Protein backbone atom coordinates (compact mmCIF):
# COMPACT_ATOMS: atom_id res chain seq x y z
CA MET A 1 12.71 -9.31 -5.28
CA ASN A 2 12.79 -8.37 -1.62
CA ARG A 3 14.63 -5.07 -1.26
CA TYR A 4 15.64 -5.99 2.28
CA SER A 5 17.28 -9.28 1.36
CA ASN A 6 20.85 -7.88 1.57
CA ILE A 7 20.37 -6.18 4.94
CA PRO A 8 21.76 -8.12 7.91
CA VAL A 9 19.27 -9.19 10.58
CA ILE A 10 20.36 -8.69 14.17
CA GLN A 11 19.15 -11.16 16.76
CA THR A 12 20.89 -11.93 20.07
CA ILE A 13 20.15 -14.17 23.02
CA GLU A 14 19.64 -11.08 25.19
CA ASN A 15 17.33 -9.50 22.61
CA PRO A 16 15.72 -12.30 20.55
CA LYS A 17 13.49 -9.94 18.61
CA ARG A 18 14.67 -9.83 14.99
CA ARG A 19 15.57 -6.40 13.64
CA TYR A 20 17.36 -5.04 10.61
CA ALA A 21 20.77 -3.42 10.99
CA ASN A 22 21.05 0.30 10.29
CA LEU A 23 23.01 0.54 7.07
CA LYS A 24 25.25 3.44 6.14
CA TYR A 25 25.31 4.64 2.57
CA PRO A 26 28.16 6.51 0.93
CA GLU A 27 27.74 10.02 -0.34
CA ILE A 28 27.70 9.79 -4.12
CA SER A 29 29.50 12.78 -5.55
CA HIS A 30 28.87 14.25 -8.98
CA ASP A 31 31.06 13.07 -11.85
CA PHE A 32 31.34 14.02 -15.52
CA SER A 33 30.43 10.45 -16.46
CA ASP A 34 27.02 10.64 -14.72
CA ILE A 35 23.90 10.33 -16.84
CA TYR A 36 20.97 12.72 -16.44
CA VAL A 37 17.46 11.64 -17.43
CA TYR A 38 13.95 12.98 -17.03
CA THR A 39 11.65 10.52 -15.32
CA THR A 40 8.58 9.23 -17.06
CA ARG A 41 5.45 7.54 -15.76
CA GLY A 42 6.24 4.10 -14.43
CA ASP A 43 9.90 4.79 -13.65
CA ARG A 44 11.16 3.23 -10.43
CA TYR A 45 14.67 3.15 -9.04
CA ASP A 46 14.85 -0.63 -9.27
CA THR A 47 13.82 -0.71 -12.93
CA LEU A 48 16.25 2.12 -13.73
CA ALA A 49 19.04 0.20 -11.97
CA LEU A 50 18.15 -2.88 -14.00
CA ALA A 51 18.28 -0.85 -17.21
CA TYR A 52 21.55 0.96 -16.45
CA TYR A 53 23.40 -1.57 -14.28
CA ASN A 54 21.72 -4.90 -15.16
CA ASP A 55 21.02 -5.33 -11.44
CA SER A 56 17.81 -4.11 -9.80
CA SER A 57 19.28 -4.52 -6.29
CA LEU A 58 21.48 -1.47 -6.97
CA TRP A 59 18.41 0.80 -6.88
CA TRP A 60 19.78 2.54 -3.80
CA ILE A 61 22.71 4.00 -5.78
CA ILE A 62 20.34 6.01 -7.97
CA ALA A 63 18.15 6.92 -4.99
CA ARG A 64 21.14 8.12 -2.95
CA ALA A 65 22.49 10.13 -5.89
CA ASN A 66 19.24 12.13 -5.89
CA PRO A 67 18.67 13.37 -2.32
CA SER A 68 16.09 15.95 -3.45
CA GLN A 69 13.70 13.10 -4.32
CA THR A 70 11.49 11.40 -1.72
CA PRO A 71 14.11 9.52 0.33
CA ASP A 72 12.03 6.51 1.37
CA SER A 73 10.35 5.78 -1.94
CA LEU A 74 11.27 3.53 -4.86
CA ILE A 75 9.51 5.93 -7.20
CA PRO A 76 11.16 9.19 -8.32
CA ASN A 77 8.97 12.23 -8.90
CA TYR A 78 7.44 12.18 -12.37
CA GLY A 79 9.03 14.63 -14.81
CA ASP A 80 12.04 15.46 -12.65
CA GLN A 81 15.58 15.29 -13.91
CA ILE A 82 17.57 12.72 -11.95
CA ARG A 83 21.21 11.75 -11.93
CA ILE A 84 22.30 8.18 -12.60
CA PRO A 85 25.92 7.48 -11.67
CA SER A 86 27.68 5.80 -14.57
CA ALA A 87 28.08 2.01 -14.56
CA GLN A 88 31.86 2.48 -14.42
CA ARG A 89 31.50 4.02 -10.95
CA VAL A 90 29.39 1.22 -9.44
CA ALA A 91 32.34 -0.89 -8.23
CA SER A 92 33.84 2.10 -6.41
CA ILE A 93 30.48 2.99 -4.82
CA LEU A 94 30.01 -0.62 -3.68
CA ASP A 95 33.51 -0.62 -2.15
CA GLN A 96 32.62 2.52 -0.18
CA TYR A 97 29.35 0.89 0.94
CA ASP A 98 31.16 -2.27 2.07
CA SER A 99 33.73 -0.22 3.96
CA LEU A 100 31.03 1.70 5.83
CA ASN A 101 29.10 -1.46 6.76
CA ARG A 102 31.92 -3.92 7.38
CA SER A 103 31.24 -4.17 11.11
CA LEU A 104 27.60 -5.26 10.72
């Protein structure tokens, strides 16, 4: 799956070169319902999102919830404890994301 498939492409007559829009992501606060796991070899944010949310395209939620990890990687550091926001919070996080990026 292409991880850029949900990002709008900007292309105008004045500037015909295709480019991706700069997306804004919500800050994901801590919550008592969050799950904490230690990463193992082979863990990736997309596979964790598939396991916890049944949707690999939500990988960015787990990545954004763990700012101490490498920000531009799909792979968390091996052996680190990471926070996975609970599945019950996903709809609220997606609403915040939509609100921030509505004008794109």
